[in-house]
Amino acid sequence: MKFRPILITPPAESPITLDEVKAQAIVDFADDDDLLTGLRDAAVAHLDGFRGILGRAMVSQTWQVQQAAWLREICLPVPDVSAVAISYADAGGAEQSVTADDIAVLPIASGTLVSLADSFDLPTLENSNPAPIKVQFTCGFGTAADVPANLKLAINCLAADWYENRSGDTKQGLPMGVEALIRPYRWVAV
């Protein structure tokens, strides 16, 4: 059984500020600040995380996947993983944690490989729980300052384009150049 990733802790900040969006959209008044903030957030959501077209996180955020049974190796389908924590419901239903010394994290072509040490004895899991193992991981480039300039420009271009063209015309797709800006950063598991 496969479980979808769940966002546990969203990014603490947006990759770009409202002032950056206003500069891109050439807006020098405050009347449309809420609209521009919403468009910026929509552009970030369109690109960011598991559900975004980048398939990767921009600003650091914590996600969780669950498992039904122990595996010595778990492939997380994202790059840029900076932290991993594994917990599980033991036979009695109590939550336990795997120590950091028993977890190894390695970037690989298809994402990030999380390995349990051979010395870690796989404990008995709660029988009635369909997903007793939780793997939480933090991924992303880091802070907003660490997000590549191309991705920031892509967010700006999307938000400014949506501000300028509010008709909702879906035939137009991504604004010219945005695809080229994001292409080097799109994550597609090999």
N, C-alpha and C. Protein backbone atom coordinates (compact mmCIF):
# COMPACT_ATOMS: atom_id res chain seq x y z
N MET A 1 0.84 -1.18 0.00
CA MET A 1 0.00 0.00 0.00
C MET A 1 0.89 1.24 0.00
N LYS A 2 0.58 2.19 -0.89
CA LYS A 2 1.35 3.41 -1.00
C LYS A 2 0.57 4.57 -0.40
N PHE A 3 1.24 5.40 0.38
CA PHE A 3 0.60 6.54 1.01
C PHE A 3 1.16 7.83 0.42
N ARG A 4 0.28 8.80 0.18
CA ARG A 4 0.69 10.08 -0.40
C ARG A 4 1.45 10.90 0.63
N PRO A 5 2.41 11.69 0.17
CA PRO A 5 3.11 12.60 1.09
C PRO A 5 2.14 13.63 1.67
N ILE A 6 2.35 13.95 2.93
CA ILE A 6 1.52 14.93 3.65
C ILE A 6 2.43 16.08 4.07
N LEU A 7 2.01 17.30 3.81
CA LEU A 7 2.78 18.47 4.24
C LEU A 7 2.56 18.65 5.74
N ILE A 8 3.63 18.61 6.51
CA ILE A 8 3.56 18.76 7.97
C ILE A 8 3.84 20.21 8.38
N THR A 9 4.93 20.76 7.86
CA THR A 9 5.30 22.14 8.18
C THR A 9 5.55 22.89 6.87
N PRO A 10 4.68 23.84 6.55
CA PRO A 10 4.86 24.58 5.29
C PRO A 10 6.08 25.50 5.38
N PRO A 11 6.51 26.02 4.25
CA PRO A 11 7.64 26.96 4.27
C PRO A 11 7.34 28.15 5.17
N ALA A 12 8.37 28.63 5.86
CA ALA A 12 8.21 29.77 6.77
C ALA A 12 8.08 31.10 6.04
N GLU A 13 8.45 31.11 4.76
CA GLU A 13 8.41 32.35 3.99
C GLU A 13 8.22 32.03 2.52
N SER A 14 7.84 33.04 1.77
CA SER A 14 7.70 32.90 0.34
C SER A 14 9.07 33.10 -0.32
N PRO A 15 9.31 32.44 -1.45
CA PRO A 15 10.59 32.66 -2.14
C PRO A 15 10.80 34.11 -2.58
N ILE A 16 9.71 34.85 -2.80
CA ILE A 16 9.83 36.26 -3.19
C ILE A 16 8.89 37.11 -2.35
N THR A 17 9.21 38.37 -2.25
CA THR A 17 8.40 39.30 -1.44
C THR A 17 7.33 39.96 -2.31
N LEU A 18 6.38 40.57 -1.65
CA LEU A 18 5.36 41.34 -2.35
C LEU A 18 6.01 42.48 -3.14
N ASP A 19 7.01 43.13 -2.57
CA ASP A 19 7.69 44.23 -3.27
C ASP A 19 8.33 43.75 -4.57
N GLU A 20 8.87 42.53 -4.58
CA GLU A 20 9.46 42.00 -5.81
C GLU A 20 8.39 41.76 -6.88
N VAL A 21 7.23 41.26 -6.46
CA VAL A 21 6.13 41.05 -7.40
C VAL A 21 5.64 42.40 -7.94
N LYS A 22 5.51 43.39 -7.05
CA LYS A 22 5.05 44.70 -7.48
C LYS A 22 6.03 45.32 -8.47
N ALA A 23 7.30 45.14 -8.26
CA ALA A 23 8.30 45.67 -9.19
C ALA A 23 8.17 44.98 -10.55
N GLN A 24 7.98 43.68 -10.56
CA GLN A 24 7.83 42.93 -11.82
C GLN A 24 6.56 43.35 -12.56
N ALA A 25 5.48 43.54 -11.79
CA ALA A 25 4.19 43.89 -12.39
C ALA A 25 4.06 45.40 -12.66
N ILE A 26 5.06 46.14 -12.27
CA ILE A 26 5.08 47.60 -12.40
C ILE A 26 3.83 48.20 -11.73
N VAL A 27 3.71 47.91 -10.44
CA VAL A 27 2.61 48.43 -9.62
C VAL A 27 3.24 49.24 -8.49
N ASP A 28 2.86 50.53 -8.38
CA ASP A 28 3.45 51.38 -7.34
C ASP A 28 2.40 51.93 -6.37
N PHE A 29 1.31 51.18 -6.21
CA PHE A 29 0.26 51.58 -5.27
C PHE A 29 -0.15 50.36 -4.45
N ALA A 30 -0.80 50.59 -3.32
CA ALA A 30 -1.11 49.52 -2.38
C ALA A 30 -2.49 48.88 -2.58
N ASP A 31 -3.33 49.46 -3.44
CA ASP A 31 -4.69 48.97 -3.60
C ASP A 31 -4.76 47.49 -4.00
N ASP A 32 -3.80 47.01 -4.78
CA ASP A 32 -3.83 45.63 -5.27
C ASP A 32 -2.87 44.70 -4.52
N ASP A 33 -2.41 45.13 -3.33
CA ASP A 33 -1.46 44.30 -2.58
C ASP A 33 -2.01 42.91 -2.26
N ASP A 34 -3.27 42.84 -1.83
CA ASP A 34 -3.86 41.53 -1.52
C ASP A 34 -3.96 40.66 -2.77
N LEU A 35 -4.36 41.24 -3.87
CA LEU A 35 -4.45 40.50 -5.13
C LEU A 35 -3.08 39.99 -5.55
N LEU A 36 -2.08 40.86 -5.50
CA LEU A 36 -0.73 40.46 -5.91
C LEU A 36 -0.14 39.41 -4.96
N THR A 37 -0.43 39.51 -3.68
CA THR A 37 0.01 38.49 -2.72
C THR A 37 -0.63 37.14 -3.06
N GLY A 38 -1.91 37.17 -3.38
CA GLY A 38 -2.61 35.93 -3.77
C GLY A 38 -2.06 35.34 -5.05
N LEU A 39 -1.75 36.19 -6.02
CA LEU A 39 -1.18 35.71 -7.28
C LEU A 39 0.22 35.14 -7.07
N ARG A 40 1.00 35.81 -6.22
CA ARG A 40 2.33 35.28 -5.89
C ARG A 40 2.21 33.91 -5.23
N ASP A 41 1.30 33.79 -4.25
CA ASP A 41 1.12 32.52 -3.55
C ASP A 41 0.62 31.43 -4.50
N ALA A 42 -0.24 31.81 -5.43
CA ALA A 42 -0.73 30.84 -6.43
C ALA A 42 0.40 30.39 -7.35
N ALA A 43 1.27 31.32 -7.73
CA ALA A 43 2.41 30.96 -8.59
C ALA A 43 3.36 30.02 -7.85
N VAL A 44 3.60 30.29 -6.57
CA VAL A 44 4.45 29.40 -5.77
C VAL A 44 3.81 28.02 -5.68
N ALA A 45 2.51 27.96 -5.39
CA ALA A 45 1.81 26.67 -5.28
C ALA A 45 1.84 25.92 -6.61
N HIS A 46 1.76 26.63 -7.71
CA HIS A 46 1.80 26.01 -9.04
C HIS A 46 3.14 25.32 -9.29
N LEU A 47 4.21 25.89 -8.74
CA LEU A 47 5.55 25.35 -8.96
C LEU A 47 6.03 24.40 -7.86
N ASP A 48 5.71 24.68 -6.61
CA ASP A 48 6.39 24.13 -5.44
C ASP A 48 5.87 22.78 -4.95
N GLY A 49 6.76 22.00 -4.38
CA GLY A 49 6.41 20.79 -3.65
C GLY A 49 6.01 19.62 -4.53
N PHE A 50 5.50 18.58 -3.90
CA PHE A 50 5.10 17.36 -4.60
C PHE A 50 4.01 17.63 -5.64
N ARG A 51 3.13 18.56 -5.32
CA ARG A 51 1.99 18.81 -6.20
C ARG A 51 2.29 19.85 -7.28
N GLY A 52 3.40 20.55 -7.15
CA GLY A 52 3.76 21.58 -8.11
C GLY A 52 4.50 21.00 -9.31
N ILE A 53 4.59 21.79 -10.37
CA ILE A 53 5.21 21.27 -11.58
C ILE A 53 6.72 21.11 -11.45
N LEU A 54 7.34 21.73 -10.42
CA LEU A 54 8.76 21.48 -10.20
C LEU A 54 9.01 20.10 -9.62
N GLY A 55 8.05 19.59 -8.84
CA GLY A 55 8.22 18.28 -8.20
C GLY A 55 9.25 18.31 -7.08
N ARG A 56 9.56 19.48 -6.59
CA ARG A 56 10.55 19.63 -5.52
C ARG A 56 10.19 20.86 -4.71
N ALA A 57 10.75 20.95 -3.52
CA ALA A 57 10.49 22.08 -2.64
C ALA A 57 11.47 23.21 -2.92
N MET A 58 11.00 24.44 -2.80
CA MET A 58 11.89 25.59 -2.95
C MET A 58 12.41 26.01 -1.57
N VAL A 59 11.56 26.66 -0.76
CA VAL A 59 11.94 27.02 0.61
C VAL A 59 11.71 25.78 1.47
N SER A 60 12.61 25.52 2.42
CA SER A 60 12.54 24.31 3.25
C SER A 60 11.16 24.12 3.86
N GLN A 61 10.72 22.87 3.84
CA GLN A 61 9.42 22.47 4.37
C GLN A 61 9.49 21.00 4.79
N THR A 62 8.62 20.61 5.70
CA THR A 62 8.65 19.24 6.22
C THR A 62 7.46 18.47 5.71
N TRP A 63 7.74 17.28 5.18
CA TRP A 63 6.73 16.38 4.65
C TRP A 63 6.79 15.05 5.41
N GLN A 64 5.74 14.28 5.26
CA GLN A 64 5.69 12.96 5.90
C GLN A 64 5.12 11.93 4.93
N VAL A 65 5.76 10.78 4.89
CA VAL A 65 5.19 9.62 4.20
C VAL A 65 5.04 8.53 5.24
N GLN A 66 4.06 7.68 5.03
CA GLN A 66 3.82 6.59 5.97
C GLN A 66 4.01 5.26 5.26
N GLN A 67 4.32 4.25 6.05
CA GLN A 67 4.55 2.91 5.51
C GLN A 67 3.81 1.89 6.35
N ALA A 68 3.47 0.79 5.69
CA ALA A 68 2.77 -0.30 6.37
C ALA A 68 3.74 -1.28 7.00
N ALA A 69 4.97 -1.36 6.49
CA ALA A 69 5.93 -2.35 6.98
C ALA A 69 7.34 -1.79 6.91
N TRP A 70 8.24 -2.43 7.62
CA TRP A 70 9.64 -2.02 7.62
C TRP A 70 10.31 -2.31 6.29
N LEU A 71 11.12 -1.37 5.83
CA LEU A 71 12.02 -1.55 4.70
C LEU A 71 13.38 -1.03 5.15
N ARG A 72 14.42 -1.71 4.80
CA ARG A 72 15.78 -1.23 5.15
C ARG A 72 16.15 0.01 4.35
N GLU A 73 15.59 0.12 3.15
CA GLU A 73 15.85 1.28 2.31
C GLU A 73 14.54 1.89 1.84
N ILE A 74 14.44 3.20 1.97
CA ILE A 74 13.25 3.94 1.57
C ILE A 74 13.72 5.02 0.59
N CYS A 75 13.11 5.07 -0.58
CA CYS A 75 13.46 6.10 -1.55
C CYS A 75 12.42 7.23 -1.46
N LEU A 76 12.87 8.39 -1.02
CA LEU A 76 12.02 9.57 -1.01
C LEU A 76 12.13 10.19 -2.40
N PRO A 77 11.00 10.49 -3.03
CA PRO A 77 11.03 10.93 -4.43
C PRO A 77 11.36 12.41 -4.63
N VAL A 78 12.19 12.98 -3.76
CA VAL A 78 12.58 14.39 -3.88
C VAL A 78 14.06 14.55 -3.58
N PRO A 79 14.66 15.59 -4.15
CA PRO A 79 16.06 15.91 -3.82
C PRO A 79 16.11 16.90 -2.65
N ASP A 80 17.29 17.32 -2.30
CA ASP A 80 17.52 18.41 -1.35
C ASP A 80 16.95 18.10 0.04
N VAL A 81 17.07 16.85 0.49
CA VAL A 81 16.60 16.47 1.82
C VAL A 81 17.69 16.80 2.83
N SER A 82 17.33 17.59 3.84
CA SER A 82 18.33 18.02 4.83
C SER A 82 18.16 17.33 6.17
N ALA A 83 17.01 16.71 6.43
CA ALA A 83 16.79 16.04 7.71
C ALA A 83 15.74 14.95 7.53
N VAL A 84 15.92 13.85 8.28
CA VAL A 84 14.96 12.74 8.25
C VAL A 84 14.77 12.26 9.68
N ALA A 85 13.52 12.01 10.05
CA ALA A 85 13.18 11.41 11.34
C ALA A 85 12.18 10.29 11.08
N ILE A 86 12.38 9.16 11.73
CA ILE A 86 11.48 8.03 11.56
C ILE A 86 10.89 7.65 12.92
N SER A 87 9.57 7.53 12.95
CA SER A 87 8.89 7.07 14.17
C SER A 87 7.96 5.93 13.77
N TYR A 88 7.52 5.16 14.77
CA TYR A 88 6.65 4.03 14.50
C TYR A 88 5.80 3.72 15.72
N ALA A 89 4.68 3.06 15.46
CA ALA A 89 3.81 2.59 16.55
C ALA A 89 4.24 1.16 16.85
N ASP A 90 4.71 0.94 18.08
CA ASP A 90 5.19 -0.40 18.44
C ASP A 90 4.01 -1.35 18.65
N ALA A 91 4.30 -2.59 19.00
CA ALA A 91 3.26 -3.62 19.13
C ALA A 91 2.14 -3.20 20.08
N GLY A 92 2.48 -2.40 21.09
CA GLY A 92 1.47 -1.93 22.03
C GLY A 92 0.79 -0.63 21.62
N GLY A 93 1.17 -0.06 20.47
CA GLY A 93 0.56 1.17 19.99
C GLY A 93 1.27 2.44 20.44
N ALA A 94 2.35 2.30 21.23
CA ALA A 94 3.09 3.47 21.69
C ALA A 94 4.02 3.98 20.58
N GLU A 95 4.12 5.30 20.46
CA GLU A 95 5.00 5.87 19.44
C GLU A 95 6.45 5.81 19.92
N GLN A 96 7.30 5.30 19.05
CA GLN A 96 8.73 5.17 19.31
C GLN A 96 9.48 5.88 18.18
N SER A 97 10.74 6.21 18.43
CA SER A 97 11.56 6.87 17.40
C SER A 97 12.80 6.05 17.10
N VAL A 98 13.19 6.08 15.85
CA VAL A 98 14.46 5.48 15.44
C VAL A 98 15.53 6.54 15.70
N THR A 99 16.63 6.15 16.33
CA THR A 99 17.68 7.12 16.62
C THR A 99 18.36 7.59 15.34
N ALA A 100 18.87 8.81 15.38
CA ALA A 100 19.53 9.39 14.21
C ALA A 100 20.74 8.55 13.78
N ASP A 101 21.39 7.88 14.73
CA ASP A 101 22.55 7.04 14.40
C ASP A 101 22.16 5.84 13.54
N ASP A 102 20.90 5.45 13.57
CA ASP A 102 20.44 4.29 12.80
C ASP A 102 19.88 4.68 11.42
N ILE A 103 19.97 5.98 11.08
CA ILE A 103 19.43 6.47 9.81
C ILE A 103 20.55 7.09 8.98
N ALA A 104 20.67 6.65 7.73
CA ALA A 104 21.62 7.26 6.80
C ALA A 104 20.83 7.86 5.64
N VAL A 105 21.25 9.03 5.19
CA VAL A 105 20.56 9.75 4.11
C VAL A 105 21.57 10.00 2.99
N LEU A 106 21.19 9.61 1.77
CA LEU A 106 22.10 9.71 0.64
C LEU A 106 21.34 10.19 -0.60
N PRO A 107 21.81 11.27 -1.26
CA PRO A 107 21.16 11.68 -2.50
C PRO A 107 21.45 10.65 -3.60
N ILE A 108 20.42 10.33 -4.37
CA ILE A 108 20.55 9.39 -5.49
C ILE A 108 19.81 9.97 -6.70
N ALA A 109 19.95 9.36 -7.85
CA ALA A 109 19.36 9.88 -9.09
C ALA A 109 17.84 9.97 -9.02
N SER A 110 17.19 9.08 -8.27
CA SER A 110 15.72 9.08 -8.22
C SER A 110 15.17 9.84 -7.02
N GLY A 111 16.02 10.51 -6.26
CA GLY A 111 15.56 11.27 -5.10
C GLY A 111 16.56 11.23 -3.97
N THR A 112 16.11 10.68 -2.84
CA THR A 112 16.95 10.58 -1.65
C THR A 112 16.75 9.21 -1.05
N LEU A 113 17.84 8.51 -0.81
CA LEU A 113 17.77 7.18 -0.22
C LEU A 113 17.95 7.29 1.29
N VAL A 114 16.99 6.75 2.03
CA VAL A 114 17.06 6.69 3.48
C VAL A 114 17.28 5.22 3.84
N SER A 115 18.37 4.93 4.55
CA SER A 115 18.71 3.56 4.90
C SER A 115 18.73 3.39 6.41
N LEU A 116 18.22 2.27 6.85
CA LEU A 116 18.31 1.90 8.27
C LEU A 116 19.56 1.05 8.45
N ALA A 117 20.28 1.31 9.53
CA ALA A 117 21.51 0.57 9.81
C ALA A 117 21.22 -0.92 9.95
N ASP A 118 22.16 -1.74 9.51
CA ASP A 118 22.02 -3.20 9.66
C ASP A 118 21.88 -3.59 11.13
N SER A 119 22.48 -2.81 12.01
CA SER A 119 22.42 -3.11 13.44
C SER A 119 21.07 -2.79 14.07
N PHE A 120 20.21 -2.06 13.33
CA PHE A 120 18.89 -1.71 13.86
C PHE A 120 17.96 -2.91 13.72
N ASP A 121 17.52 -3.46 14.85
CA ASP A 121 16.57 -4.57 14.83
C ASP A 121 15.19 -4.02 14.53
N LEU A 122 14.55 -4.56 13.51
CA LEU A 122 13.24 -4.06 13.09
C LEU A 122 12.19 -4.48 14.12
N PRO A 123 11.68 -3.51 14.90
CA PRO A 123 10.72 -3.85 15.95
C PRO A 123 9.37 -4.30 15.39
N THR A 124 8.63 -5.03 16.20
CA THR A 124 7.27 -5.43 15.85
C THR A 124 6.39 -4.19 15.85
N LEU A 125 5.53 -4.09 14.86
CA LEU A 125 4.67 -2.91 14.70
C LEU A 125 3.26 -3.20 15.19
N GLU A 126 2.53 -2.11 15.47
CA GLU A 126 1.13 -2.22 15.87
C GLU A 126 0.35 -2.90 14.75
N ASN A 127 -0.29 -4.00 15.09
CA ASN A 127 -0.99 -4.83 14.11
C ASN A 127 -2.20 -4.15 13.48
N SER A 128 -2.94 -3.39 14.27
CA SER A 128 -4.20 -2.80 13.79
C SER A 128 -4.00 -1.49 13.03
N ASN A 129 -2.77 -1.01 12.95
CA ASN A 129 -2.47 0.26 12.30
C ASN A 129 -2.06 0.00 10.85
N PRO A 130 -2.79 0.53 9.87
CA PRO A 130 -2.42 0.28 8.46
C PRO A 130 -1.13 0.98 8.03
N ALA A 131 -0.70 1.99 8.77
CA ALA A 131 0.53 2.72 8.43
C ALA A 131 1.26 3.11 9.72
N PRO A 132 1.87 2.14 10.39
CA PRO A 132 2.48 2.42 11.69
C PRO A 132 3.83 3.15 11.61
N ILE A 133 4.42 3.27 10.43
CA ILE A 133 5.73 3.91 10.30
C ILE A 133 5.56 5.27 9.64
N LYS A 134 6.15 6.31 10.26
CA LYS A 134 6.10 7.66 9.72
C LYS A 134 7.53 8.12 9.43
N VAL A 135 7.75 8.56 8.21
CA VAL A 135 9.05 9.10 7.82
C VAL A 135 8.83 10.59 7.54
N GLN A 136 9.36 11.45 8.43
CA GLN A 136 9.27 12.89 8.23
C GLN A 136 10.59 13.38 7.69
N PHE A 137 10.52 14.26 6.69
CA PHE A 137 11.75 14.77 6.10
C PHE A 137 11.59 16.23 5.72
N THR A 138 12.68 16.96 5.88
CA THR A 138 12.73 18.36 5.51
C THR A 138 13.47 18.45 4.18
N CYS A 139 12.87 19.16 3.23
CA CYS A 139 13.49 19.29 1.92
C CYS A 139 13.32 20.72 1.42
N GLY A 140 14.15 21.08 0.48
CA GLY A 140 14.12 22.41 -0.10
C GLY A 140 15.53 22.98 -0.20
N PHE A 141 15.65 24.11 -0.86
CA PHE A 141 16.96 24.74 -1.03
C PHE A 141 17.44 25.38 0.27
N GLY A 142 16.54 25.70 1.19
CA GLY A 142 16.86 26.40 2.44
C GLY A 142 15.90 27.56 2.62
N THR A 143 16.43 28.73 2.91
CA THR A 143 15.61 29.93 3.08
C THR A 143 15.28 30.52 1.71
N ALA A 144 14.47 31.58 1.72
CA ALA A 144 14.14 32.27 0.46
C ALA A 144 15.40 32.77 -0.23
N ALA A 145 16.37 33.18 0.54
CA ALA A 145 17.62 33.68 -0.05
C ALA A 145 18.38 32.58 -0.81
N ASP A 146 18.12 31.31 -0.47
CA ASP A 146 18.81 30.19 -1.11
C ASP A 146 18.14 29.70 -2.39
N VAL A 147 16.92 30.15 -2.65
CA VAL A 147 16.19 29.72 -3.85
C VAL A 147 16.87 30.31 -5.08
N PRO A 148 17.15 29.49 -6.10
CA PRO A 148 17.83 30.00 -7.29
C PRO A 148 17.07 31.18 -7.94
N ALA A 149 17.84 32.11 -8.47
CA ALA A 149 17.28 33.32 -9.08
C ALA A 149 16.31 32.99 -10.21
N ASN A 150 16.59 31.94 -10.99
CA ASN A 150 15.68 31.57 -12.09
C ASN A 150 14.29 31.23 -11.57
N LEU A 151 14.22 30.53 -10.44
CA LEU A 151 12.92 30.16 -9.89
C LEU A 151 12.19 31.38 -9.34
N LYS A 152 12.93 32.28 -8.73
CA LYS A 152 12.31 33.52 -8.24
C LYS A 152 11.75 34.33 -9.41
N LEU A 153 12.51 34.41 -10.49
CA LEU A 153 12.05 35.14 -11.66
C LEU A 153 10.82 34.47 -12.27
N ALA A 154 10.80 33.14 -12.28
CA ALA A 154 9.64 32.42 -12.81
C ALA A 154 8.39 32.73 -12.00
N ILE A 155 8.50 32.77 -10.68
CA ILE A 155 7.36 33.12 -9.82
C ILE A 155 6.90 34.54 -10.14
N ASN A 156 7.86 35.45 -10.22
CA ASN A 156 7.54 36.85 -10.54
C ASN A 156 6.82 36.96 -11.89
N CYS A 157 7.34 36.26 -12.88
CA CYS A 157 6.74 36.33 -14.23
C CYS A 157 5.32 35.76 -14.22
N LEU A 158 5.12 34.64 -13.54
CA LEU A 158 3.77 34.06 -13.47
C LEU A 158 2.80 35.02 -12.80
N ALA A 159 3.19 35.52 -11.61
CA ALA A 159 2.30 36.42 -10.87
C ALA A 159 1.99 37.68 -11.67
N ALA A 160 3.01 38.28 -12.29
CA ALA A 160 2.80 39.51 -13.07
C ALA A 160 1.95 39.23 -14.30
N ASP A 161 2.15 38.09 -14.94
CA ASP A 161 1.36 37.73 -16.11
C ASP A 161 -0.10 37.52 -15.72
N TRP A 162 -0.32 36.82 -14.62
CA TRP A 162 -1.70 36.60 -14.16
C TRP A 162 -2.36 37.92 -13.74
N TYR A 163 -1.57 38.85 -13.22
CA TYR A 163 -2.11 40.16 -12.85
C TYR A 163 -2.53 40.93 -14.10
N GLU A 164 -1.70 40.87 -15.11
CA GLU A 164 -1.97 41.60 -16.35
C GLU A 164 -3.08 40.95 -17.17
N ASN A 165 -3.17 39.64 -17.15
CA ASN A 165 -4.14 38.89 -17.96
C ASN A 165 -5.10 38.14 -17.05
N ARG A 166 -6.13 38.80 -16.60
CA ARG A 166 -7.04 38.23 -15.62
C ARG A 166 -8.23 37.52 -16.25
N SER A 167 -8.19 37.25 -17.52
CA SER A 167 -9.34 36.65 -18.20
C SER A 167 -9.53 35.18 -17.84
N GLY A 168 -8.49 34.54 -17.33
CA GLY A 168 -8.60 33.11 -17.03
C GLY A 168 -8.41 32.25 -18.26
N ASP A 169 -7.89 32.81 -19.35
CA ASP A 169 -7.66 32.08 -20.59
C ASP A 169 -6.62 30.99 -20.35
N THR A 170 -7.04 29.73 -20.41
CA THR A 170 -6.13 28.62 -20.15
C THR A 170 -5.38 28.17 -21.39
N LYS A 171 -5.73 28.70 -22.55
CA LYS A 171 -5.04 28.30 -23.78
C LYS A 171 -3.61 28.81 -23.83
N GLN A 172 -3.33 29.84 -23.07
CA GLN A 172 -2.05 30.49 -23.19
C GLN A 172 -0.93 29.73 -22.48
N GLY A 173 -1.20 28.89 -21.48
CA GLY A 173 -0.16 28.12 -20.79
C GLY A 173 0.77 29.01 -19.99
N LEU A 174 2.01 28.56 -19.83
CA LEU A 174 3.00 29.34 -19.09
C LEU A 174 3.45 30.54 -19.92
N PRO A 175 3.69 31.67 -19.27
CA PRO A 175 4.20 32.83 -20.01
C PRO A 175 5.54 32.50 -20.66
N MET A 176 5.81 33.19 -21.75
CA MET A 176 7.04 32.97 -22.50
C MET A 176 8.26 33.06 -21.59
N GLY A 177 9.10 32.08 -21.67
CA GLY A 177 10.34 32.08 -20.90
C GLY A 177 10.26 31.36 -19.56
N VAL A 178 9.07 31.22 -18.98
CA VAL A 178 8.97 30.58 -17.66
C VAL A 178 9.40 29.12 -17.74
N GLU A 179 8.99 28.43 -18.78
CA GLU A 179 9.39 27.03 -18.94
C GLU A 179 10.91 26.91 -19.01
N ALA A 180 11.55 27.80 -19.73
CA ALA A 180 13.02 27.78 -19.82
C ALA A 180 13.66 28.09 -18.47
N LEU A 181 13.06 28.97 -17.69
CA LEU A 181 13.60 29.32 -16.38
C LEU A 181 13.54 28.14 -15.41
N ILE A 182 12.45 27.39 -15.45
CA ILE A 182 12.28 26.30 -14.48
C ILE A 182 12.86 24.98 -14.93
N ARG A 183 13.07 24.81 -16.23
CA ARG A 183 13.52 23.51 -16.78
C ARG A 183 14.72 22.91 -16.04
N PRO A 184 15.78 23.66 -15.74
CA PRO A 184 16.92 23.05 -15.07
C PRO A 184 16.62 22.57 -13.64
N TYR A 185 15.53 23.04 -13.06
CA TYR A 185 15.20 22.72 -11.67
C TYR A 185 14.05 21.74 -11.52
N ARG A 186 13.38 21.42 -12.61
CA ARG A 186 12.28 20.45 -12.55
C ARG A 186 12.82 19.11 -12.11
N TRP A 187 12.12 18.50 -11.18
CA TRP A 187 12.57 17.22 -10.66
C TRP A 187 11.71 16.11 -11.24
N VAL A 188 12.35 15.29 -12.01
CA VAL A 188 11.69 14.12 -12.57
C VAL A 188 12.54 12.93 -12.16
N ALA A 189 11.96 12.01 -11.38
CA ALA A 189 12.73 10.86 -10.93
C ALA A 189 13.17 10.04 -12.14
N VAL A 190 14.43 9.63 -12.11
CA VAL A 190 15.01 8.86 -13.21
C VAL A 190 14.64 7.40 -13.08
